[in-house]
Amino acid sequence: MKNFGENFQSPRKIDTMGLLLIYRGVPMADHESPRVLRLTFEFHVPLGLRTNIQGSRVQKAAEAITSAVQALAGQVFPWASEMRVRHEWSYAWHDHQPEPISLPATDKNTPKT
């Protein structure tokens, strides 16, 4: 695991005019920010549905959904060069779905009227 501060080590320089940004000795214009489109799907089995869902069936479903997304990705998001798929089968005995917590209004998070 990378040290959190590792990406923020010197040499860094910001000139007073805001014209020159240097990070680790390289102009900031030469660095790109990583961009990721992350989508999350959850398929819930209704409570009370009395059926045994085999692990192999879960795996086949994950593979089929992955294949469908892969086939569609080039058409709807052609900028991507790869995709990563994480799948998990679990029993959500306790799945706390909290309500949003409002934060105080600031000039940065309040629309201008």
PDB file of N, CA and C in Angstrom:
ATOM      1  N   MET A   1       0.841  -1.178   0.000  1.00  0.00           N
ATOM      2  CA  MET A   1       0.000   0.000   0.000  1.00  0.00           C
ATOM      3  C   MET A   1       0.880   1.231   0.000  1.00  0.00           C
ATOM      4  N   LYS A   2       0.541   2.184  -0.826  1.00  0.00           N
ATOM      5  CA  LYS A   2       1.329   3.399  -0.909  1.00  0.00           C
ATOM      6  C   LYS A   2       1.109   4.278   0.311  1.00  0.00           C
ATOM      7  N   ASN A   3       2.167   4.932   0.676  1.00  0.00           N
ATOM      8  CA  ASN A   3       2.070   5.919   1.739  1.00  0.00           C
ATOM      9  C   ASN A   3       1.234   7.078   1.227  1.00  0.00           C
ATOM     10  N   PHE A   4       0.279   7.545   2.030  1.00  0.00           N
ATOM     11  CA  PHE A   4      -0.610   8.619   1.596  1.00  0.00           C
ATOM     12  C   PHE A   4       0.174   9.833   1.137  1.00  0.00           C
ATOM     13  N   GLY A   5       1.222  10.191   1.828  1.00  0.00           N
ATOM     14  CA  GLY A   5       1.998  11.379   1.485  1.00  0.00           C
ATOM     15  C   GLY A   5       2.934  11.181   0.313  1.00  0.00           C
ATOM     16  N   GLU A   6       3.068   9.954  -0.162  1.00  0.00           N
ATOM     17  CA  GLU A   6       4.027   9.657  -1.225  1.00  0.00           C
ATOM     18  C   GLU A   6       3.774  10.477  -2.482  1.00  0.00           C
ATOM     19  N   ASN A   7       2.512  10.696  -2.814  1.00  0.00           N
ATOM     20  CA  ASN A   7       2.188  11.441  -4.016  1.00  0.00           C
ATOM     21  C   ASN A   7       2.321  12.945  -3.837  1.00  0.00           C
ATOM     22  N   PHE A   8       2.639  13.378  -2.646  1.00  0.00           N
ATOM     23  CA  PHE A   8       2.679  14.806  -2.372  1.00  0.00           C
ATOM     24  C   PHE A   8       4.051  15.246  -1.886  1.00  0.00           C
ATOM     25  N   GLN A   9       5.101  14.585  -2.363  1.00  0.00           N
ATOM     26  CA  GLN A   9       6.450  14.914  -1.934  1.00  0.00           C
ATOM     27  C   GLN A   9       7.053  15.987  -2.822  1.00  0.00           C
ATOM     28  N   SER A  10       8.060  16.657  -2.298  1.00  0.00           N
ATOM     29  CA  SER A  10       8.796  17.685  -3.038  1.00  0.00           C
ATOM     30  C   SER A  10       9.575  17.024  -4.160  1.00  0.00           C
ATOM     31  N   PRO A  11      10.074  17.696  -5.164  1.00  0.00           N
ATOM     32  CA  PRO A  11       9.983  19.148  -5.265  1.00  0.00           C
ATOM     33  C   PRO A  11       8.656  19.618  -5.839  1.00  0.00           C
ATOM     34  N   ARG A  12       8.110  20.656  -5.249  1.00  0.00           N
ATOM     35  CA  ARG A  12       6.895  21.304  -5.733  1.00  0.00           C
ATOM     36  C   ARG A  12       7.178  22.786  -5.834  1.00  0.00           C
ATOM     37  N   LYS A  13       6.585  23.421  -6.801  1.00  0.00           N
ATOM     38  CA  LYS A  13       6.767  24.856  -6.921  1.00  0.00           C
ATOM     39  C   LYS A  13       5.537  25.462  -7.561  1.00  0.00           C
ATOM     40  N   ILE A  14       5.065  26.528  -6.985  1.00  0.00           N
ATOM     41  CA  ILE A  14       3.988  27.303  -7.580  1.00  0.00           C
ATOM     42  C   ILE A  14       4.469  28.735  -7.590  1.00  0.00           C
ATOM     43  N   ASP A  15       4.602  29.340  -8.772  1.00  0.00           N
ATOM     44  CA  ASP A  15       5.087  30.720  -8.781  1.00  0.00           C
ATOM     45  C   ASP A  15       3.967  31.672  -8.393  1.00  0.00           C
ATOM     46  N   THR A  16       4.317  32.861  -8.031  1.00  0.00           N
ATOM     47  CA  THR A  16       3.346  33.815  -7.508  1.00  0.00           C
ATOM     48  C   THR A  16       2.371  34.297  -8.558  1.00  0.00           C
ATOM     49  N   MET A  17       2.694  34.178  -9.805  1.00  0.00           N
ATOM     50  CA  MET A  17       1.794  34.615 -10.872  1.00  0.00           C
ATOM     51  C   MET A  17       0.837  33.486 -11.281  1.00  0.00           C
ATOM     52  N   GLY A  18       1.029  32.289 -10.759  1.00  0.00           N
ATOM     53  CA  GLY A  18       0.164  31.169 -11.118  1.00  0.00           C
ATOM     54  C   GLY A  18       0.434  30.632 -12.506  1.00  0.00           C
ATOM     55  N   LEU A  19       1.587  30.941 -13.055  1.00  0.00           N
ATOM     56  CA  LEU A  19       1.890  30.532 -14.429  1.00  0.00           C
ATOM     57  C   LEU A  19       2.687  29.239 -14.505  1.00  0.00           C
ATOM     58  N   LEU A  20       3.407  28.899 -13.447  1.00  0.00           N
ATOM     59  CA  LEU A  20       4.278  27.736 -13.491  1.00  0.00           C
ATOM     60  C   LEU A  20       3.945  26.817 -12.333  1.00  0.00           C
ATOM     61  N   LEU A  21       3.511  25.621 -12.642  1.00  0.00           N
ATOM     62  CA  LEU A  21       3.242  24.611 -11.623  1.00  0.00           C
ATOM     63  C   LEU A  21       4.182  23.446 -11.877  1.00  0.00           C
ATOM     64  N   ILE A  22       4.964  23.076 -10.865  1.00  0.00           N
ATOM     65  CA  ILE A  22       5.891  21.962 -11.000  1.00  0.00           C
ATOM     66  C   ILE A  22       5.609  20.960  -9.893  1.00  0.00           C
ATOM     67  N   TYR A  23       5.511  19.686 -10.256  1.00  0.00           N
ATOM     68  CA  TYR A  23       5.273  18.609  -9.304  1.00  0.00           C
ATOM     69  C   TYR A  23       6.320  17.543  -9.558  1.00  0.00           C
ATOM     70  N   ARG A  24       7.105  17.233  -8.533  1.00  0.00           N
ATOM     71  CA  ARG A  24       8.192  16.265  -8.659  1.00  0.00           C
ATOM     72  C   ARG A  24       9.116  16.601  -9.824  1.00  0.00           C
ATOM     73  N   GLY A  25       9.371  17.845 -10.021  1.00  0.00           N
ATOM     74  CA  GLY A  25      10.310  18.272 -11.040  1.00  0.00           C
ATOM     75  C   GLY A  25       9.772  18.268 -12.450  1.00  0.00           C
ATOM     76  N   VAL A  26       8.474  17.987 -12.621  1.00  0.00           N
ATOM     77  CA  VAL A  26       7.860  17.928 -13.950  1.00  0.00           C
ATOM     78  C   VAL A  26       6.723  18.939 -13.996  1.00  0.00           C
ATOM     79  N   PRO A  27       6.627  19.738 -15.069  1.00  0.00           N
ATOM     80  CA  PRO A  27       5.519  20.686 -15.169  1.00  0.00           C
ATOM     81  C   PRO A  27       4.172  19.977 -15.042  1.00  0.00           C
ATOM     82  N   MET A  28       3.242  20.564 -14.291  1.00  0.00           N
ATOM     83  CA  MET A  28       1.935  19.944 -14.049  1.00  0.00           C
ATOM     84  C   MET A  28       1.170  19.683 -15.342  1.00  0.00           C
ATOM     85  N   ALA A  29       1.401  20.479 -16.360  1.00  0.00           N
ATOM     86  CA  ALA A  29       0.705  20.268 -17.631  1.00  0.00           C
ATOM     87  C   ALA A  29       1.054  18.915 -18.234  1.00  0.00           C
ATOM     88  N   ASP A  30       2.186  18.325 -17.827  1.00  0.00           N
ATOM     89  CA  ASP A  30       2.599  17.019 -18.352  1.00  0.00           C
ATOM     90  C   ASP A  30       1.950  15.855 -17.598  1.00  0.00           C
ATOM     91  N   HIS A  31       1.236  16.133 -16.500  1.00  0.00           N
ATOM     92  CA  HIS A  31       0.545  15.100 -15.719  1.00  0.00           C
ATOM     93  C   HIS A  31      -0.925  15.088 -16.089  1.00  0.00           C
ATOM     94  N   GLU A  32      -1.490  13.904 -16.160  1.00  0.00           N
ATOM     95  CA  GLU A  32      -2.926  13.781 -16.386  1.00  0.00           C
ATOM     96  C   GLU A  32      -3.573  13.252 -15.124  1.00  0.00           C
ATOM     97  N   SER A  33      -4.760  13.691 -14.875  1.00  0.00           N
ATOM     98  CA  SER A  33      -5.531  13.165 -13.746  1.00  0.00           C
ATOM     99  C   SER A  33      -6.211  11.880 -14.184  1.00  0.00           C
ATOM    100  N   PRO A  34      -6.122  10.824 -13.375  1.00  0.00           N
ATOM    101  CA  PRO A  34      -6.818   9.586 -13.732  1.00  0.00           C
ATOM    102  C   PRO A  34      -8.324   9.803 -13.705  1.00  0.00           C
ATOM    103  N   ARG A  35      -8.992   9.304 -14.707  1.00  0.00           N
ATOM    104  CA  ARG A  35     -10.444   9.460 -14.795  1.00  0.00           C
ATOM    105  C   ARG A  35     -11.083   8.082 -14.867  1.00  0.00           C
ATOM    106  N   VAL A  36     -12.115   7.898 -14.069  1.00  0.00           N
ATOM    107  CA  VAL A  36     -12.784   6.605 -13.973  1.00  0.00           C
ATOM    108  C   VAL A  36     -14.286   6.827 -13.911  1.00  0.00           C
ATOM    109  N   LEU A  37     -15.027   6.120 -14.740  1.00  0.00           N
ATOM    110  CA  LEU A  37     -16.482   6.072 -14.625  1.00  0.00           C
ATOM    111  C   LEU A  37     -16.801   4.805 -13.838  1.00  0.00           C
ATOM    112  N   ARG A  38     -17.373   4.956 -12.661  1.00  0.00           N
ATOM    113  CA  ARG A  38     -17.698   3.798 -11.825  1.00  0.00           C
ATOM    114  C   ARG A  38     -19.212   3.691 -11.715  1.00  0.00           C
ATOM    115  N   LEU A  39     -19.740   2.527 -12.058  1.00  0.00           N
ATOM    116  CA  LEU A  39     -21.163   2.227 -11.939  1.00  0.00           C
ATOM    117  C   LEU A  39     -21.302   1.060 -10.971  1.00  0.00           C
ATOM    118  N   THR A  40     -22.294   1.119 -10.133  1.00  0.00           N
ATOM    119  CA  THR A  40     -22.531   0.035  -9.179  1.00  0.00           C
ATOM    120  C   THR A  40     -23.943  -0.491  -9.366  1.00  0.00           C
ATOM    121  N   PHE A  41     -24.058  -1.787  -9.518  1.00  0.00           N
ATOM    122  CA  PHE A  41     -25.357  -2.436  -9.617  1.00  0.00           C
ATOM    123  C   PHE A  41     -25.482  -3.394  -8.444  1.00  0.00           C
ATOM    124  N   GLU A  42     -26.646  -3.463  -7.863  1.00  0.00           N
ATOM    125  CA  GLU A  42     -26.936  -4.459  -6.843  1.00  0.00           C
ATOM    126  C   GLU A  42     -28.238  -5.147  -7.238  1.00  0.00           C
ATOM    127  N   PHE A  43     -28.201  -6.460  -7.300  1.00  0.00           N
ATOM    128  CA  PHE A  43     -29.382  -7.239  -7.628  1.00  0.00           C
ATOM    129  C   PHE A  43     -29.842  -7.917  -6.344  1.00  0.00           C
ATOM    130  N   HIS A  44     -31.000  -7.532  -5.844  1.00  0.00           N
ATOM    131  CA  HIS A  44     -31.505  -8.024  -4.570  1.00  0.00           C
ATOM    132  C   HIS A  44     -32.527  -9.137  -4.782  1.00  0.00           C
ATOM    133  N   VAL A  45     -32.349 -10.228  -4.073  1.00  0.00           N
ATOM    134  CA  VAL A  45     -33.321 -11.322  -4.076  1.00  0.00           C
ATOM    135  C   VAL A  45     -34.385 -10.956  -3.040  1.00  0.00           C
ATOM    136  N   PRO A  46     -35.656 -10.996  -3.415  1.00  0.00           N
ATOM    137  CA  PRO A  46     -36.706 -10.592  -2.471  1.00  0.00           C
ATOM    138  C   PRO A  46     -36.723 -11.458  -1.208  1.00  0.00           C
ATOM    139  N   LEU A  47     -36.976 -10.810  -0.086  1.00  0.00           N
ATOM    140  CA  LEU A  47     -37.137 -11.546   1.164  1.00  0.00           C
ATOM    141  C   LEU A  47     -38.292 -12.531   1.010  1.00  0.00           C
ATOM    142  N   GLY A  48     -38.128 -13.699   1.562  1.00  0.00           N
ATOM    143  CA  GLY A  48     -39.188 -14.698   1.512  1.00  0.00           C
ATOM    144  C   GLY A  48     -39.124 -15.602   0.291  1.00  0.00           C
ATOM    145  N   LEU A  49     -38.264 -15.311  -0.674  1.00  0.00           N
ATOM    146  CA  LEU A  49     -38.126 -16.176  -1.844  1.00  0.00           C
ATOM    147  C   LEU A  49     -37.335 -17.411  -1.427  1.00  0.00           C
ATOM    148  N   ARG A  50     -38.015 -18.532  -1.341  1.00  0.00           N
ATOM    149  CA  ARG A  50     -37.410 -19.756  -0.826  1.00  0.00           C
ATOM    150  C   ARG A  50     -36.791 -20.539  -1.973  1.00  0.00           C
ATOM    151  N   THR A  51     -35.572 -20.199  -2.322  1.00  0.00           N
ATOM    152  CA  THR A  51     -34.867 -20.929  -3.372  1.00  0.00           C
ATOM    153  C   THR A  51     -33.382 -20.962  -3.044  1.00  0.00           C
ATOM    154  N   ASN A  52     -32.723 -22.014  -3.468  1.00  0.00           N
ATOM    155  CA  ASN A  52     -31.285 -22.152  -3.257  1.00  0.00           C
ATOM    156  C   ASN A  52     -30.581 -21.657  -4.519  1.00  0.00           C
ATOM    157  N   ILE A  53     -29.875 -20.558  -4.415  1.00  0.00           N
ATOM    158  CA  ILE A  53     -29.156 -20.012  -5.569  1.00  0.00           C
ATOM    159  C   ILE A  53     -27.717 -20.510  -5.488  1.00  0.00           C
ATOM    160  N   GLN A  54     -27.368 -21.385  -6.399  1.00  0.00           N
ATOM    161  CA  GLN A  54     -26.054 -22.007  -6.426  1.00  0.00           C
ATOM    162  C   GLN A  54     -24.969 -20.996  -6.808  1.00  0.00           C
ATOM    163  N   GLY A  55     -23.784 -21.190  -6.254  1.00  0.00           N
ATOM    164  CA  GLY A  55     -22.651 -20.321  -6.566  1.00  0.00           C
ATOM    165  C   GLY A  55     -22.322 -20.302  -8.052  1.00  0.00           C
ATOM    166  N   SER A  56     -22.458 -21.443  -8.718  1.00  0.00           N
ATOM    167  CA  SER A  56     -22.165 -21.495 -10.161  1.00  0.00           C
ATOM    168  C   SER A  56     -23.145 -20.627 -10.950  1.00  0.00           C
ATOM    169  N   ARG A  57     -24.389 -20.548 -10.492  1.00  0.00           N
ATOM    170  CA  ARG A  57     -25.390 -19.708 -11.170  1.00  0.00           C
ATOM    171  C   ARG A  57     -25.080 -18.230 -10.962  1.00  0.00           C
ATOM    172  N   VAL A  58     -24.615 -17.893  -9.771  1.00  0.00           N
ATOM    173  CA  VAL A  58     -24.207 -16.516  -9.493  1.00  0.00           C
ATOM    174  C   VAL A  58     -23.036 -16.142 -10.398  1.00  0.00           C
ATOM    175  N   GLN A  59     -22.068 -17.045 -10.545  1.00  0.00           N
ATOM    176  CA  GLN A  59     -20.901 -16.791 -11.397  1.00  0.00           C
ATOM    177  C   GLN A  59     -21.318 -16.620 -12.854  1.00  0.00           C
ATOM    178  N   LYS A  60     -22.220 -17.470 -13.333  1.00  0.00           N
ATOM    179  CA  LYS A  60     -22.700 -17.352 -14.715  1.00  0.00           C
ATOM    180  C   LYS A  60     -23.421 -16.027 -14.935  1.00  0.00           C
ATOM    181  N   ALA A  61     -24.207 -15.596 -13.968  1.00  0.00           N
ATOM    182  CA  ALA A  61     -24.904 -14.313 -14.079  1.00  0.00           C
ATOM    183  C   ALA A  61     -23.902 -13.168 -14.140  1.00  0.00           C
ATOM    184  N   ALA A  62     -22.877 -13.209 -13.285  1.00  0.00           N
ATOM    185  CA  ALA A  62     -21.850 -12.158 -13.283  1.00  0.00           C
ATOM    186  C   ALA A  62     -21.121 -12.117 -14.623  1.00  0.00           C
ATOM    187  N   GLU A  63     -20.802 -13.274 -15.166  1.00  0.00           N
ATOM    188  CA  GLU A  63     -20.115 -13.336 -16.463  1.00  0.00           C
ATOM    189  C   GLU A  63     -20.997 -12.795 -17.588  1.00  0.00           C
ATOM    190  N   ALA A  64     -22.283 -13.125 -17.582  1.00  0.00           N
ATOM    191  CA  ALA A  64     -23.199 -12.667 -18.625  1.00  0.00           C
ATOM    192  C   ALA A  64     -23.390 -11.152 -18.557  1.00  0.00           C
ATOM    193  N   ILE A  65     -23.531 -10.613 -17.358  1.00  0.00           N
ATOM    194  CA  ILE A  65     -23.702  -9.167 -17.209  1.00  0.00           C
ATOM    195  C   ILE A  65     -22.420  -8.451 -17.624  1.00  0.00           C
ATOM    196  N   THR A  66     -21.268  -8.992 -17.240  1.00  0.00           N
ATOM    197  CA  THR A  66     -19.982  -8.423 -17.642  1.00  0.00           C
ATOM    198  C   THR A  66     -19.852  -8.409 -19.159  1.00  0.00           C
ATOM    199  N   SER A  67     -20.214  -9.501 -19.783  1.00  0.00           N
ATOM    200  CA  SER A  67     -20.129  -9.608 -21.238  1.00  0.00           C
ATOM    201  C   SER A  67     -21.035  -8.587 -21.922  1.00  0.00           C
ATOM    202  N   ALA A  68     -22.240  -8.409 -21.397  1.00  0.00           N
ATOM    203  CA  ALA A  68     -23.172  -7.440 -21.978  1.00  0.00           C
ATOM    204  C   ALA A  68     -22.656  -6.019 -21.836  1.00  0.00           C
ATOM    205  N   VAL A  69     -22.114  -5.699 -20.676  1.00  0.00           N
ATOM    206  CA  VAL A  69     -21.564  -4.352 -20.475  1.00  0.00           C
ATOM    207  C   VAL A  69     -20.358  -4.135 -21.371  1.00  0.00           C
ATOM    208  N   GLN A  70     -19.498  -5.144 -21.498  1.00  0.00           N
ATOM    209  CA  GLN A  70     -18.324  -5.046 -22.355  1.00  0.00           C
ATOM    210  C   GLN A  70     -18.726  -4.789 -23.808  1.00  0.00           C
ATOM    211  N   ALA A  71     -19.763  -5.467 -24.278  1.00  0.00           N
ATOM    212  CA  ALA A  71     -20.233  -5.288 -25.653  1.00  0.00           C
ATOM    213  C   ALA A  71     -20.790  -3.882 -25.874  1.00  0.00           C
ATOM    214  N   LEU A  72     -21.409  -3.325 -24.875  1.00  0.00           N
ATOM    215  CA  LEU A  72     -22.034  -2.008 -24.976  1.00  0.00           C
ATOM    216  C   LEU A  72     -21.047  -0.862 -24.737  1.00  0.00           C
ATOM    217  N   ALA A  73     -20.012  -1.115 -23.961  1.00  0.00           N
ATOM    218  CA  ALA A  73     -19.096  -0.062 -23.524  1.00  0.00           C
ATOM    219  C   ALA A  73     -18.463   0.708 -24.682  1.00  0.00           C
ATOM    220  N   GLY A  74     -18.033   0.021 -25.709  1.00  0.00           N
ATOM    221  CA  GLY A  74     -17.392   0.692 -26.838  1.00  0.00           C
ATOM    222  C   GLY A  74     -18.312   1.661 -27.561  1.00  0.00           C
ATOM    223  N   GLN A  75     -19.612   1.405 -27.518  1.00  0.00           N
ATOM    224  CA  GLN A  75     -20.580   2.281 -28.173  1.00  0.00           C
ATOM    225  C   GLN A  75     -20.939   3.481 -27.310  1.00  0.00           C
ATOM    226  N   VAL A  76     -21.140   3.256 -26.025  1.00  0.00           N
ATOM    227  CA  VAL A  76     -21.650   4.327 -25.166  1.00  0.00           C
ATOM    228  C   VAL A  76     -20.565   5.082 -24.413  1.00  0.00           C
ATOM    229  N   PHE A  77     -19.381   4.494 -24.258  1.00  0.00           N
ATOM    230  CA  PHE A  77     -18.276   5.160 -23.573  1.00  0.00           C
ATOM    231  C   PHE A  77     -16.975   4.810 -24.288  1.00  0.00           C
ATOM    232  N   PRO A  78     -16.798   5.330 -25.512  1.00  0.00           N
ATOM    233  CA  PRO A  78     -15.675   4.928 -26.353  1.00  0.00           C
ATOM    234  C   PRO A  78     -14.310   5.413 -25.865  1.00  0.00           C
ATOM    235  N   TRP A  79     -14.253   6.236 -24.856  1.00  0.00           N
ATOM    236  CA  TRP A  79     -12.993   6.761 -24.355  1.00  0.00           C
ATOM    237  C   TRP A  79     -12.271   5.756 -23.474  1.00  0.00           C
ATOM    238  N   ALA A  80     -12.965   4.740 -22.986  1.00  0.00           N
ATOM    239  CA  ALA A  80     -12.360   3.777 -22.064  1.00  0.00           C
ATOM    240  C   ALA A  80     -11.476   2.785 -22.804  1.00  0.00           C
ATOM    241  N   SER A  81     -10.342   2.465 -22.200  1.00  0.00           N
ATOM    242  CA  SER A  81      -9.440   1.474 -22.785  1.00  0.00           C
ATOM    243  C   SER A  81      -9.487   0.147 -22.032  1.00  0.00           C
ATOM    244  N   GLU A  82     -10.104   0.136 -20.870  1.00  0.00           N
ATOM    245  CA  GLU A  82     -10.232  -1.107 -20.103  1.00  0.00           C
ATOM    246  C   GLU A  82     -11.396  -0.965 -19.139  1.00  0.00           C
ATOM    247  N   MET A  83     -11.834  -2.092 -18.614  1.00  0.00           N
ATOM    248  CA  MET A  83     -12.830  -2.074 -17.551  1.00  0.00           C
ATOM    249  C   MET A  83     -12.448  -3.118 -16.526  1.00  0.00           C
ATOM    250  N   ARG A  84     -12.824  -2.871 -15.310  1.00  0.00           N
ATOM    251  CA  ARG A  84     -12.569  -3.816 -14.223  1.00  0.00           C
ATOM    252  C   ARG A  84     -13.908  -4.155 -13.593  1.00  0.00           C
ATOM    253  N   VAL A  85     -14.096  -5.423 -13.337  1.00  0.00           N
ATOM    254  CA  VAL A  85     -15.379  -5.882 -12.811  1.00  0.00           C
ATOM    255  C   VAL A  85     -15.145  -6.527 -11.449  1.00  0.00           C
ATOM    256  N   ARG A  86     -15.876  -6.059 -10.493  1.00  0.00           N
ATOM    257  CA  ARG A  86     -15.843  -6.641  -9.152  1.00  0.00           C
ATOM    258  C   ARG A  86     -17.219  -7.227  -8.909  1.00  0.00           C
ATOM    259  N   HIS A  87     -17.285  -8.490  -8.543  1.00  0.00           N
ATOM    260  CA  HIS A  87     -18.581  -9.076  -8.201  1.00  0.00           C
ATOM    261  C   HIS A  87     -18.461  -9.793  -6.865  1.00  0.00           C
ATOM    262  N   GLU A  88     -19.568  -9.805  -6.171  1.00  0.00           N
ATOM    263  CA  GLU A  88     -19.606 -10.342  -4.821  1.00  0.00           C
ATOM    264  C   GLU A  88     -20.986 -10.934  -4.572  1.00  0.00           C
ATOM    265  N   TRP A  89     -21.024 -12.067  -3.925  1.00  0.00           N
ATOM    266  CA  TRP A  89     -22.280 -12.685  -3.522  1.00  0.00           C
ATOM    267  C   TRP A  89     -22.253 -12.754  -2.007  1.00  0.00           C
ATOM    268  N   SER A  90     -23.236 -12.152  -1.385  1.00  0.00           N
ATOM    269  CA  SER A  90     -23.206 -12.123   0.074  1.00  0.00           C
ATOM    270  C   SER A  90     -24.609 -12.152   0.652  1.00  0.00           C
ATOM    271  N   TYR A  91     -24.664 -12.459   1.914  1.00  0.00           N
ATOM    272  CA  TYR A  91     -25.896 -12.390   2.675  1.00  0.00           C
ATOM    273  C   TYR A  91     -25.836 -11.110   3.479  1.00  0.00           C
ATOM    274  N   ALA A  92     -26.728 -10.201   3.183  1.00  0.00           N
ATOM    275  CA  ALA A  92     -26.719  -8.888   3.836  1.00  0.00           C
ATOM    276  C   ALA A  92     -27.565  -8.947   5.102  1.00  0.00           C
ATOM    277  N   TRP A  93     -27.037  -9.628   6.112  1.00  0.00           N
ATOM    278  CA  TRP A  93     -27.780  -9.754   7.359  1.00  0.00           C
ATOM    279  C   TRP A  93     -28.033  -8.384   7.967  1.00  0.00           C
ATOM    280  N   HIS A  94     -27.048  -7.540   7.867  1.00  0.00           N
ATOM    281  CA  HIS A  94     -27.212  -6.166   8.338  1.00  0.00           C
ATOM    282  C   HIS A  94     -26.665  -5.255   7.245  1.00  0.00           C
ATOM    283  N   ASP A  95     -27.546  -4.605   6.541  1.00  0.00           N
ATOM    284  CA  ASP A  95     -27.150  -3.708   5.456  1.00  0.00           C
ATOM    285  C   ASP A  95     -27.688  -2.325   5.785  1.00  0.00           C
ATOM    286  N   HIS A  96     -26.924  -1.585   6.531  1.00  0.00           N
ATOM    287  CA  HIS A  96     -27.335  -0.253   6.964  1.00  0.00           C
ATOM    288  C   HIS A  96     -27.289   0.701   5.777  1.00  0.00           C
ATOM    289  N   GLN A  97     -28.427   1.185   5.370  1.00  0.00           N
ATOM    290  CA  GLN A  97     -28.538   2.143   4.267  1.00  0.00           C
ATOM    291  C   GLN A  97     -28.912   3.496   4.875  1.00  0.00           C
ATOM    292  N   PRO A  98     -27.921   4.291   5.231  1.00  0.00           N
ATOM    293  CA  PRO A  98     -28.219   5.534   5.927  1.00  0.00           C
ATOM    294  C   PRO A  98     -28.886   6.571   5.032  1.00  0.00           C
ATOM    295  N   GLU A  99     -29.659   7.408   5.665  1.00  0.00           N
ATOM    296  CA  GLU A  99     -30.245   8.555   4.979  1.00  0.00           C
ATOM    297  C   GLU A  99     -29.146   9.600   4.803  1.00  0.00           C
ATOM    298  N   PRO A 100     -29.245  10.445   3.776  1.00  0.00           N
ATOM    299  CA  PRO A 100     -28.245  11.500   3.609  1.00  0.00           C
ATOM    300  C   PRO A 100     -28.242  12.429   4.821  1.00  0.00           C
ATOM    301  N   ILE A 101     -27.078  12.911   5.155  1.00  0.00           N
ATOM    302  CA  ILE A 101     -26.929  13.859   6.252  1.00  0.00           C
ATOM    303  C   ILE A 101     -26.605  15.214   5.643  1.00  0.00           C
ATOM    304  N   SER A 102     -27.463  16.178   5.887  1.00  0.00           N
ATOM    305  CA  SER A 102     -27.253  17.514   5.334  1.00  0.00           C
ATOM    306  C   SER A 102     -26.082  18.190   6.032  1.00  0.00           C
ATOM    307  N   LEU A 103     -25.278  18.871   5.253  1.00  0.00           N
ATOM    308  CA  LEU A 103     -24.166  19.649   5.778  1.00  0.00           C
ATOM    309  C   LEU A 103     -24.530  21.123   5.727  1.00  0.00           C
ATOM    310  N   PRO A 104     -23.862  21.933   6.539  1.00  0.00           N
ATOM    311  CA  PRO A 104     -24.182  23.370   6.538  1.00  0.00           C
ATOM    312  C   PRO A 104     -23.952  23.977   5.152  1.00  0.00           C
ATOM    313  N   ALA A 105     -24.793  24.928   4.803  1.00  0.00           N
ATOM    314  CA  ALA A 105     -24.643  25.634   3.524  1.00  0.00           C
ATOM    315  C   ALA A 105     -23.414  26.525   3.575  1.00  0.00           C
ATOM    316  N   THR A 106     -22.668  26.510   2.467  1.00  0.00           N
ATOM    317  CA  THR A 106     -21.516  27.395   2.325  1.00  0.00           C
ATOM    318  C   THR A 106     -21.602  28.065   0.962  1.00  0.00           C
ATOM    319  N   ASP A 107     -20.745  28.996   0.704  1.00  0.00           N
ATOM    320  CA  ASP A 107     -20.746  29.635  -0.612  1.00  0.00           C
ATOM    321  C   ASP A 107     -20.268  28.675  -1.695  1.00  0.00           C
ATOM    322  N   LYS A 108     -19.620  27.578  -1.312  1.00  0.00           N
ATOM    323  CA  LYS A 108     -19.111  26.586  -2.271  1.00  0.00           C
ATOM    324  C   LYS A 108     -20.148  25.521  -2.619  1.00  0.00           C
ATOM    325  N   ASN A 109     -21.135  25.291  -1.747  1.00  0.00           N
ATOM    326  CA  ASN A 109     -22.118  24.229  -2.020  1.00  0.00           C
ATOM    327  C   ASN A 109     -23.547  24.736  -2.183  1.00  0.00           C
ATOM    328  N   THR A 110     -23.708  26.045  -2.299  1.00  0.00           N
ATOM    329  CA  THR A 110     -25.035  26.637  -2.447  1.00  0.00           C
ATOM    330  C   THR A 110     -25.146  27.310  -3.811  1.00  0.00           C
ATOM    331  N   PRO A 111     -26.186  26.955  -4.590  1.00  0.00           N
ATOM    332  CA  PRO A 111     -26.353  27.596  -5.891  1.00  0.00           C
ATOM    333  C   PRO A 111     -26.556  29.101  -5.748  1.00  0.00           C
ATOM    334  N   LYS A 112     -26.013  29.829  -6.685  1.00  0.00           N
ATOM    335  CA  LYS A 112     -26.189  31.286  -6.686  1.00  0.00           C
ATOM    336  C   LYS A 112     -27.572  31.611  -7.224  1.00  0.00           C
ATOM    337  N   THR A 113     -28.258  32.532  -6.566  1.00  0.00           N
ATOM    338  CA  THR A 113     -29.620  32.900  -7.014  1.00  0.00           C
ATOM    339  C   THR A 113     -29.636  34.240  -7.689  1.00  0.00           C
TER     340      THR A 113
END
